[in-house]
Amino acid sequence: MPWITVQLLAGRTVEQKKELVAALTRETSRVCGCGTDAVQIVIEDVQKDNWGIGGILASEKFPGPPSPYGSGDPRFKTQT
């Protein structure tokens, strides 16, 4: 029985979470050869103040609300 835990910065909509759960369930079932009823997924919303990236809090690195663009957001560019 596959159990999947997904940690995301808080702020995703219920619709985004539904889509993520459906996609993860479908693909996990396909790859693992189990029924979709066997796949369990937990989504943990993590506040930006509780997530560190590159030595600073996510709330400092990404001020403001979450972007609807996800990782395609220009705020996620790698800093050199």
C-alpha atoms as a PDB file:
ATOM      1  CA  MET A   1       0.000   0.000   0.000  1.00  0.00           C
ATOM      2  CA  PRO A   2       1.803   3.170  -1.164  1.00  0.00           C
ATOM      3  CA  TRP A   3       1.697   6.112   1.227  1.00  0.00           C
ATOM      4  CA  ILE A   4       2.798   9.463  -0.139  1.00  0.00           C
ATOM      5  CA  THR A   5       3.443  12.618   1.875  1.00  0.00           C
ATOM      6  CA  VAL A   6       3.598  15.908  -0.008  1.00  0.00           C
ATOM      7  CA  GLN A   7       4.871  19.040   1.704  1.00  0.00           C
ATOM      8  CA  LEU A   8       3.941  22.321   0.030  1.00  0.00           C
ATOM      9  CA  LEU A   9       4.176  25.933   0.986  1.00  0.00           C
ATOM     10  CA  ALA A  10       0.702  26.834   2.229  1.00  0.00           C
ATOM     11  CA  GLY A  11      -1.656  28.628  -0.102  1.00  0.00           C
ATOM     12  CA  ARG A  12      -2.651  26.098  -2.780  1.00  0.00           C
ATOM     13  CA  THR A  13      -6.338  25.934  -3.615  1.00  0.00           C
ATOM     14  CA  VAL A  14      -8.514  22.910  -2.974  1.00  0.00           C
ATOM     15  CA  GLU A  15      -8.773  22.482  -6.752  1.00  0.00           C
ATOM     16  CA  GLN A  16      -4.961  22.349  -7.085  1.00  0.00           C
ATOM     17  CA  LYS A  17      -4.775  19.772  -4.294  1.00  0.00           C
ATOM     18  CA  LYS A  18      -7.517  17.659  -5.914  1.00  0.00           C
ATOM     19  CA  GLU A  19      -5.630  17.676  -9.205  1.00  0.00           C
ATOM     20  CA  LEU A  20      -2.360  16.755  -7.487  1.00  0.00           C
ATOM     21  CA  VAL A  21      -3.980  13.897  -5.537  1.00  0.00           C
ATOM     22  CA  ALA A  22      -5.641  12.536  -8.694  1.00  0.00           C
ATOM     23  CA  ALA A  23      -2.398  12.654 -10.703  1.00  0.00           C
ATOM     24  CA  LEU A  24      -0.259  11.113  -7.948  1.00  0.00           C
ATOM     25  CA  THR A  25      -2.836   8.387  -7.337  1.00  0.00           C
ATOM     26  CA  ARG A  26      -3.148   7.531 -11.027  1.00  0.00           C
ATOM     27  CA  GLU A  27       0.594   7.387 -11.686  1.00  0.00           C
ATOM     28  CA  THR A  28       1.481   5.599  -8.447  1.00  0.00           C
ATOM     29  CA  SER A  29      -1.136   2.951  -9.204  1.00  0.00           C
ATOM     30  CA  ARG A  30       0.223   2.541 -12.734  1.00  0.00           C
ATOM     31  CA  VAL A  31       3.885   2.316 -11.729  1.00  0.00           C
ATOM     32  CA  CYS A  32       3.387   0.152  -8.635  1.00  0.00           C
ATOM     33  CA  GLY A  33       0.755  -2.090 -10.174  1.00  0.00           C
ATOM     34  CA  CYS A  34      -1.752  -1.571  -7.385  1.00  0.00           C
ATOM     35  CA  GLY A  35      -5.327  -0.376  -7.314  1.00  0.00           C
ATOM     36  CA  THR A  36      -6.030   3.305  -6.874  1.00  0.00           C
ATOM     37  CA  ASP A  37      -7.828   2.498  -3.609  1.00  0.00           C
ATOM     38  CA  ALA A  38      -4.490   1.353  -2.167  1.00  0.00           C
ATOM     39  CA  VAL A  39      -2.784   4.738  -2.675  1.00  0.00           C
ATOM     40  CA  GLN A  40      -2.909   7.103   0.301  1.00  0.00           C
ATOM     41  CA  ILE A  41      -1.724  10.703   0.077  1.00  0.00           C
ATOM     42  CA  VAL A  42      -1.234  13.268   2.817  1.00  0.00           C
ATOM     43  CA  ILE A  43      -0.730  16.927   1.920  1.00  0.00           C
ATOM     44  CA  GLU A  44       1.024  18.988   4.554  1.00  0.00           C
ATOM     45  CA  ASP A  45       0.684  22.745   4.163  1.00  0.00           C
ATOM     46  CA  VAL A  46       3.786  24.392   5.580  1.00  0.00           C
ATOM     47  CA  GLN A  47       3.765  28.077   6.410  1.00  0.00           C
ATOM     48  CA  LYS A  48       6.551  30.102   4.777  1.00  0.00           C
ATOM     49  CA  ASP A  49       7.909  31.012   8.219  1.00  0.00           C
ATOM     50  CA  ASN A  50       8.493  27.282   8.865  1.00  0.00           C
ATOM     51  CA  TRP A  51      10.426  26.489   5.654  1.00  0.00           C
ATOM     52  CA  GLY A  52      14.055  27.359   5.016  1.00  0.00           C
ATOM     53  CA  ILE A  53      15.606  27.617   1.562  1.00  0.00           C
ATOM     54  CA  GLY A  54      19.274  28.369   1.051  1.00  0.00           C
ATOM     55  CA  GLY A  55      19.748  29.525   4.633  1.00  0.00           C
ATOM     56  CA  ILE A  56      16.802  31.928   4.821  1.00  0.00           C
ATOM     57  CA  LEU A  57      13.108  31.577   5.522  1.00  0.00           C
ATOM     58  CA  ALA A  58      10.818  31.123   2.543  1.00  0.00           C
ATOM     59  CA  SER A  59       8.806  34.098   3.827  1.00  0.00           C
ATOM     60  CA  GLU A  60      11.862  36.280   3.184  1.00  0.00           C
ATOM     61  CA  LYS A  61      12.832  34.687  -0.119  1.00  0.00           C
ATOM     62  CA  PHE A  62       9.270  34.709  -1.508  1.00  0.00           C
ATOM     63  CA  PRO A  63       7.336  37.529   0.149  1.00  0.00           C
ATOM     64  CA  GLY A  64       3.659  37.810  -0.628  1.00  0.00           C
ATOM     65  CA  PRO A  65       1.063  35.172  -1.475  1.00  0.00           C
ATOM     66  CA  PRO A  66       1.915  31.965  -3.346  1.00  0.00           C
ATOM     67  CA  SER A  67       2.071  32.344  -7.089  1.00  0.00           C
ATOM     68  CA  PRO A  68      -0.491  30.583  -9.290  1.00  0.00           C
ATOM     69  CA  TYR A  69       2.456  29.661 -11.532  1.00  0.00           C
ATOM     70  CA  GLY A  70       4.070  27.280  -9.025  1.00  0.00           C
ATOM     71  CA  SER A  71       7.722  26.540  -9.771  1.00  0.00           C
ATOM     72  CA  GLY A  72       7.432  28.409 -13.099  1.00  0.00           C
ATOM     73  CA  ASP A  73       7.170  31.594 -11.073  1.00  0.00           C
ATOM     74  CA  PRO A  74      10.030  34.007 -11.802  1.00  0.00           C
ATOM     75  CA  ARG A  75      10.565  34.315  -8.021  1.00  0.00           C
ATOM     76  CA  PHE A  76      11.959  30.752  -8.115  1.00  0.00           C
ATOM     77  CA  LYS A  77      14.957  31.631 -10.320  1.00  0.00           C
ATOM     78  CA  THR A  78      18.229  30.210  -9.064  1.00  0.00           C
ATOM     79  CA  GLN A  79      20.338  32.902  -7.481  1.00  0.00           C
ATOM     80  CA  THR A  80      24.048  32.856  -8.239  1.00  0.00           C
END
